Amino acid sequence: MAKAAALKSTATLAPGLEDKIRDARYQVLADQFLVTFDSGKEYSFARSVLDCDDGTDIVKVEVDEKRFFFYVLQASRNKYEVPWDRVLYEAEASYPYFRGNRAKIEKSRAVGRQVRRLRHIKGMTQAQLARAAGILRPNLSRVESGKHRPSLETLERIAAALKIPVVDLVLRK
């Protein structure tokens, strides 16, 4: 399937809310997202940094009505959200969490990949696992993408929902 030249979505501006996402686009040839905030600042980051992206063509990019994140819909019907803080994390050097401690980030990503892998093995969707673990689906998504370092309690809940020992979530196999 051929990729379209560029997909664009805009949202109406609300006065006094310059820190929200105004526009999000996917640049096909550069294989990156370009995000504009109400302040006028533009940020770009590679699509490849998003673990939730399955690599299929991007069909639609749409800014949420509250403008705190944008949705991405792929040809595979995979749909994910990119919140404003993830944009800053990936692209703004002055952001306090900008690509911080690499070791901590890699551990979080490894745990997230393991949670996703085991969830797939068990044949569960994110919504099903989140419900069984008693956490919100967006929070599980952040854990799986490595954006959030889960507490021990959260890991225990996820492990119990998957019916596995907690150690299986933190040790690479």
Protein backbone atom coordinates (compact mmCIF):
# COMPACT_ATOMS: atom_id res chain seq x y z
CA MET A 1 0.00 0.00 0.00
CA ALA A 2 1.46 3.39 -0.96
CA LYS A 3 1.71 5.98 1.77
CA ALA A 4 -0.04 9.32 1.37
CA ALA A 5 2.10 12.47 1.17
CA ALA A 6 1.20 13.95 4.56
CA LEU A 7 -1.72 13.58 6.91
CA LYS A 8 -2.85 16.62 8.86
CA SER A 9 -5.36 17.38 11.59
CA THR A 10 -6.15 20.69 13.22
CA ALA A 11 -8.20 21.64 16.24
CA THR A 12 -9.82 24.98 17.08
CA LEU A 13 -7.84 27.22 19.41
CA ALA A 14 -9.03 28.16 22.87
CA PRO A 15 -7.84 31.54 24.17
CA GLY A 16 -5.31 31.38 27.01
CA LEU A 17 -4.42 27.73 26.42
CA GLU A 18 -1.16 28.11 24.50
CA ASP A 19 0.41 24.94 25.92
CA LYS A 20 -1.99 22.53 24.25
CA ILE A 21 -1.53 20.69 20.95
CA ARG A 22 -2.81 22.73 18.04
CA ASP A 23 -1.84 20.45 15.19
CA ALA A 24 -0.28 17.02 14.62
CA ARG A 25 0.88 15.65 11.28
CA TYR A 26 2.69 12.62 10.02
CA GLN A 27 5.39 13.35 7.45
CA VAL A 28 5.58 10.25 5.30
CA LEU A 29 8.90 10.83 3.55
CA ALA A 30 10.69 11.76 6.79
CA ASP A 31 8.81 9.03 8.71
CA GLN A 32 8.23 11.38 11.62
CA PHE A 33 5.52 13.29 13.43
CA LEU A 34 5.40 17.09 13.41
CA VAL A 35 3.48 18.57 16.35
CA THR A 36 2.62 22.23 16.84
CA PHE A 37 1.58 23.62 20.22
CA ASP A 38 -0.63 26.68 20.72
CA SER A 39 2.50 28.61 21.74
CA GLY A 40 3.67 28.23 18.14
CA LYS A 41 6.52 25.87 19.00
CA GLU A 42 6.89 22.94 16.63
CA TYR A 43 8.49 19.64 17.49
CA SER A 44 9.33 16.65 15.33
CA PHE A 45 10.26 13.17 16.39
CA ALA A 46 10.75 9.85 14.66
CA ARG A 47 7.83 7.47 14.46
CA SER A 48 10.21 4.64 15.38
CA VAL A 49 10.49 5.81 19.02
CA LEU A 50 6.88 4.78 19.66
CA ASP A 51 6.74 1.14 20.77
CA CYS A 52 2.98 1.06 20.28
CA ASP A 53 3.38 1.69 16.52
CA ASP A 54 3.20 -1.60 14.59
CA GLY A 55 4.88 -0.25 11.45
CA THR A 56 1.86 -0.39 9.13
CA ASP A 57 0.82 2.66 7.13
CA ILE A 58 -0.60 5.62 9.04
CA VAL A 59 -4.16 6.22 7.94
CA LYS A 60 -5.19 9.12 10.18
CA VAL A 61 -3.73 11.56 12.70
CA GLU A 62 -6.25 13.46 14.80
CA VAL A 63 -5.87 15.85 17.74
CA ASP A 64 -8.16 15.03 20.68
CA GLU A 65 -10.88 17.64 21.31
CA LYS A 66 -9.28 18.63 24.64
CA ARG A 67 -5.94 18.80 22.80
CA PHE A 68 -3.81 17.03 25.40
CA PHE A 69 -2.86 14.27 22.94
CA PHE A 70 -3.29 13.12 19.38
CA TYR A 71 -4.56 9.81 18.04
CA VAL A 72 -2.85 7.76 15.36
CA LEU A 73 -4.81 5.19 13.35
CA GLN A 74 -2.84 2.65 11.32
CA ALA A 75 -3.86 0.49 8.37
CA SER A 76 -3.84 -2.54 10.70
CA ARG A 77 -6.57 -0.79 12.76
CA ASN A 78 -4.03 -0.28 15.55
CA LYS A 79 -4.93 2.99 17.28
CA TYR A 80 -2.78 4.72 19.85
CA GLU A 81 -2.46 8.04 21.64
CA VAL A 82 0.56 10.32 21.90
CA PRO A 83 0.21 12.72 24.86
CA TRP A 84 1.74 16.22 24.91
CA ASP A 85 4.36 15.21 27.48
CA ARG A 86 5.59 12.39 25.25
CA VAL A 87 6.14 14.91 22.47
CA LEU A 88 8.22 17.08 24.82
CA TYR A 89 10.02 14.03 26.19
CA GLU A 90 11.13 13.07 22.68
CA ALA A 91 11.85 16.51 21.23
CA GLU A 92 12.38 19.31 23.80
CA ALA A 93 15.84 19.44 25.39
CA SER A 94 14.68 21.85 28.13
CA TYR A 95 11.88 19.49 29.22
CA PRO A 96 12.87 18.11 32.67
CA TYR A 97 12.26 14.52 31.60
CA PHE A 98 13.93 14.80 28.19
CA ARG A 99 15.46 11.41 27.54
CA GLY A 100 16.63 11.29 31.14
CA ASN A 101 18.57 8.49 32.72
CA ARG A 102 19.02 5.95 29.92
CA ALA A 103 19.41 2.98 32.28
CA LYS A 104 16.09 3.68 34.02
CA ILE A 105 14.38 4.29 30.69
CA GLU A 106 15.69 1.05 29.22
CA LYS A 107 14.57 -0.94 32.28
CA SER A 108 11.10 0.58 32.01
CA ARG A 109 10.96 -0.27 28.32
CA ALA A 110 12.16 -3.83 28.97
CA VAL A 111 9.43 -4.35 31.60
CA GLY A 112 6.87 -2.84 29.21
CA ARG A 113 7.94 -5.12 26.35
CA GLN A 114 7.70 -8.11 28.69
CA VAL A 115 4.20 -7.12 29.86
CA ARG A 116 3.09 -6.72 26.23
CA ARG A 117 4.69 -10.02 25.19
CA LEU A 118 3.06 -11.96 28.04
CA ARG A 119 -0.30 -10.26 27.43
CA HIS A 120 -0.15 -11.36 23.78
CA ILE A 121 0.80 -14.91 24.80
CA LYS A 122 -2.24 -14.99 27.11
CA GLY A 123 -4.41 -13.70 24.23
CA MET A 124 -5.57 -10.61 26.11
CA THR A 125 -6.22 -7.10 24.86
CA GLN A 126 -4.94 -4.09 26.78
CA ALA A 127 -8.49 -3.36 27.94
CA GLN A 128 -8.95 -6.91 29.23
CA LEU A 129 -5.66 -6.93 31.12
CA ALA A 130 -6.24 -3.46 32.55
CA ARG A 131 -9.69 -4.46 33.77
CA ALA A 132 -8.38 -7.69 35.32
CA ALA A 133 -5.51 -5.81 37.00
CA GLY A 134 -7.76 -3.00 38.24
CA ILE A 135 -5.89 -0.24 36.43
CA LEU A 136 -6.86 2.13 33.63
CA ARG A 137 -6.09 1.11 30.05
CA PRO A 138 -4.13 4.30 29.25
CA ASN A 139 -1.93 3.59 32.27
CA LEU A 140 -1.29 0.04 31.05
CA SER A 141 -0.46 1.50 27.64
CA ARG A 142 2.13 3.79 29.25
CA VAL A 143 3.65 0.83 31.10
CA GLU A 144 3.84 -1.23 27.90
CA SER A 145 5.42 1.63 25.96
CA GLY A 146 8.03 2.16 28.67
CA LYS A 147 6.80 5.70 29.33
CA HIS A 148 5.88 4.92 32.94
CA ARG A 149 7.85 3.00 35.57
CA PRO A 150 5.23 0.92 37.38
CA SER A 151 5.26 0.58 41.15
CA LEU A 152 5.68 -2.83 42.75
CA GLU A 153 1.96 -2.81 43.55
CA THR A 154 1.10 -2.23 39.88
CA LEU A 155 3.48 -5.01 38.80
CA GLU A 156 1.85 -7.32 41.35
CA ARG A 157 -1.61 -6.50 39.97
CA ILE A 158 -0.50 -7.09 36.37
CA ALA A 159 1.23 -10.35 37.30
CA ALA A 160 -1.85 -11.57 39.19
CA ALA A 161 -4.08 -10.73 36.21
CA LEU A 162 -1.71 -12.66 33.92
CA LYS A 163 -1.51 -15.49 36.49
CA ILE A 164 2.30 -15.39 36.59
CA PRO A 165 4.88 -14.55 39.25
CA VAL A 166 6.04 -10.91 39.38
CA VAL A 167 9.61 -11.98 38.66
CA ASP A 168 8.52 -13.02 35.14
CA LEU A 169 7.73 -9.36 34.41
CA VAL A 170 11.13 -7.99 35.42
CA LEU A 171 13.52 -10.69 34.25
CA ARG A 172 14.35 -11.00 30.58
CA LYS A 173 14.04 -14.47 29.14
